[in-house]
Amino acid sequence: MKICFPVVEANGIDSEVHGHFGSATAFIVVESEGSDVETIHNPDQQHEHGACNPLQKFNNHKIDALVVAGIGGGALNKLNQAGIRVFKAISPSVKENIRLLQSQALPEFTVSQCCPGHGQNMGCQH
């Protein structure tokens, strides 16, 4: 299974998970069955909330699961429709979230947990 993590800075499995999917500097893709790690740089970090195309961010890489601290409802729905499961990061580190996912300890994101927007009084929790 290929697991994707939006990260603050690309440092392999030692990377820190970014607070929001769409504005991450890069994505780390980890093969859960081995030690393969790929880096995908995010070409669209500066976009309006709700205007990102999540599937284009992966640059044609096949992703099975995404682990992220925060994500908007539109991106979550598009990812789920493409068959990509989205899990809520519990730890700041990619390495620890891999361990948690493998032990089935990460909750799957629901629309009610999504970021409603940024700005004054928008209620974003990340």
Protein backbone atom coordinates (compact mmCIF):
# COMPACT_ATOMS: atom_id res chain seq x y z
CA MET A 1 0.00 0.00 0.00
CA LYS A 2 1.29 3.47 -0.88
CA ILE A 3 0.72 5.97 1.91
CA CYS A 4 1.04 9.70 1.28
CA PHE A 5 1.89 12.34 3.88
CA PRO A 6 1.74 16.12 3.28
CA VAL A 7 4.88 17.41 5.00
CA VAL A 8 6.40 20.66 6.21
CA GLU A 9 9.80 19.79 4.74
CA ALA A 10 10.83 16.67 2.80
CA ASN A 11 13.03 14.61 5.14
CA GLY A 12 11.84 11.11 4.30
CA ILE A 13 10.11 9.25 7.14
CA ASP A 14 11.64 11.73 9.59
CA SER A 15 9.46 14.48 8.08
CA GLU A 16 6.88 16.42 10.08
CA VAL A 17 3.26 16.09 8.91
CA HIS A 18 1.94 19.43 7.64
CA GLY A 19 -1.11 20.97 9.28
CA HIS A 20 -3.12 21.17 6.07
CA PHE A 21 -3.16 19.02 2.96
CA GLY A 22 -3.33 21.66 0.23
CA SER A 23 -0.57 23.99 1.41
CA ALA A 24 2.09 21.39 2.25
CA THR A 25 5.53 22.01 0.78
CA ALA A 26 5.78 18.42 -0.42
CA PHE A 27 4.28 14.96 -0.12
CA ILE A 28 6.19 11.93 1.09
CA VAL A 29 4.93 8.64 -0.38
CA VAL A 30 5.90 5.56 1.59
CA GLU A 31 5.43 1.96 0.48
CA SER A 32 4.08 0.22 3.60
CA GLU A 33 5.51 -3.16 2.56
CA GLY A 34 9.06 -1.91 2.21
CA SER A 35 11.30 1.05 2.73
CA ASP A 36 10.69 2.88 -0.56
CA VAL A 37 10.16 6.62 -0.04
CA GLU A 38 9.33 9.10 -2.81
CA THR A 39 9.02 12.87 -2.62
CA ILE A 40 6.48 14.84 -4.66
CA HIS A 41 6.84 18.62 -4.52
CA ASN A 42 3.57 20.55 -4.26
CA PRO A 43 3.27 22.91 -7.25
CA ASP A 44 0.05 24.49 -5.93
CA GLN A 45 0.73 25.60 -2.34
CA GLN A 46 -0.90 29.01 -2.76
CA HIS A 47 -4.55 28.48 -3.63
CA GLU A 48 -7.85 29.59 -2.19
CA HIS A 49 -9.44 27.27 0.33
CA GLY A 50 -11.58 24.75 -1.52
CA ALA A 51 -9.91 25.38 -4.86
CA CYS A 52 -7.21 22.71 -4.88
CA ASN A 53 -7.36 19.64 -7.06
CA PRO A 54 -6.04 16.94 -4.73
CA LEU A 55 -5.42 14.31 -7.39
CA GLN A 56 -3.22 16.63 -9.48
CA LYS A 57 -0.97 17.19 -6.47
CA PHE A 58 0.23 13.58 -6.63
CA ASN A 59 1.73 14.10 -10.10
CA ASN A 60 0.30 10.81 -11.47
CA HIS A 61 1.61 8.73 -8.55
CA LYS A 62 -0.85 6.06 -7.40
CA ILE A 63 -1.81 6.64 -3.78
CA ASP A 64 -3.83 4.21 -1.64
CA ALA A 65 -4.06 6.24 1.58
CA LEU A 66 -3.36 9.76 2.82
CA VAL A 67 -2.44 10.66 6.40
CA VAL A 68 -2.93 14.35 7.18
CA ALA A 69 -3.53 16.66 10.14
CA GLY A 70 -6.13 18.82 8.36
CA ILE A 71 -8.02 18.81 5.07
CA GLY A 72 -11.02 20.53 3.50
CA GLY A 73 -14.26 18.72 2.75
CA GLY A 74 -14.00 19.11 -1.01
CA ALA A 75 -10.54 17.56 -1.13
CA LEU A 76 -11.64 14.74 1.20
CA ASN A 77 -14.63 13.93 -1.02
CA LYS A 78 -12.54 13.96 -4.21
CA LEU A 79 -9.92 11.69 -2.66
CA ASN A 80 -12.54 9.27 -1.31
CA GLN A 81 -14.30 9.17 -4.72
CA ALA A 82 -10.94 8.18 -6.26
CA GLY A 83 -10.68 5.29 -3.80
CA ILE A 84 -8.11 6.95 -1.53
CA ARG A 85 -8.72 6.53 2.19
CA VAL A 86 -7.83 9.57 4.32
CA PHE A 87 -6.65 9.16 7.90
CA LYS A 88 -6.14 11.76 10.63
CA ALA A 89 -2.52 12.12 11.75
CA ILE A 90 -2.16 11.76 15.51
CA SER A 91 1.59 12.26 15.75
CA PRO A 92 3.63 15.06 14.18
CA SER A 93 6.07 12.54 12.66
CA VAL A 94 5.61 10.49 9.50
CA LYS A 95 7.44 7.55 11.08
CA GLU A 96 5.11 7.38 14.10
CA ASN A 97 1.98 7.79 11.95
CA ILE A 98 3.12 4.86 9.78
CA ARG A 99 3.35 2.73 12.92
CA LEU A 100 -0.07 3.91 14.10
CA LEU A 101 -1.67 3.22 10.70
CA GLN A 102 -0.18 -0.27 10.56
CA SER A 103 -1.62 -0.99 14.01
CA GLN A 104 -5.00 0.41 12.86
CA ALA A 105 -4.85 3.20 15.45
CA LEU A 106 -5.43 6.16 13.10
CA PRO A 107 -9.03 7.30 12.67
CA GLU A 108 -10.39 7.75 9.16
CA PHE A 109 -11.31 11.36 8.36
CA THR A 110 -14.98 12.27 8.10
CA VAL A 111 -16.49 15.40 6.57
CA SER A 112 -17.46 16.65 10.04
CA GLN A 113 -13.73 16.79 10.96
CA CYS A 114 -12.76 18.82 7.89
CA CYS A 115 -11.48 22.37 7.82
CA PRO A 116 -14.39 24.73 7.04
CA GLY A 117 -12.07 27.48 5.76
CA HIS A 118 -9.43 29.90 6.88
CA GLY A 119 -9.78 33.39 8.19
CA GLN A 120 -11.58 35.06 11.01
CA ASN A 121 -14.07 32.85 12.88
CA MET A 122 -13.88 30.02 10.34
CA GLY A 123 -13.30 27.37 13.01
CA CYS A 124 -10.30 25.69 11.44
CA GLN A 125 -8.76 23.42 14.08
CA HIS A 126 -5.23 23.00 12.69
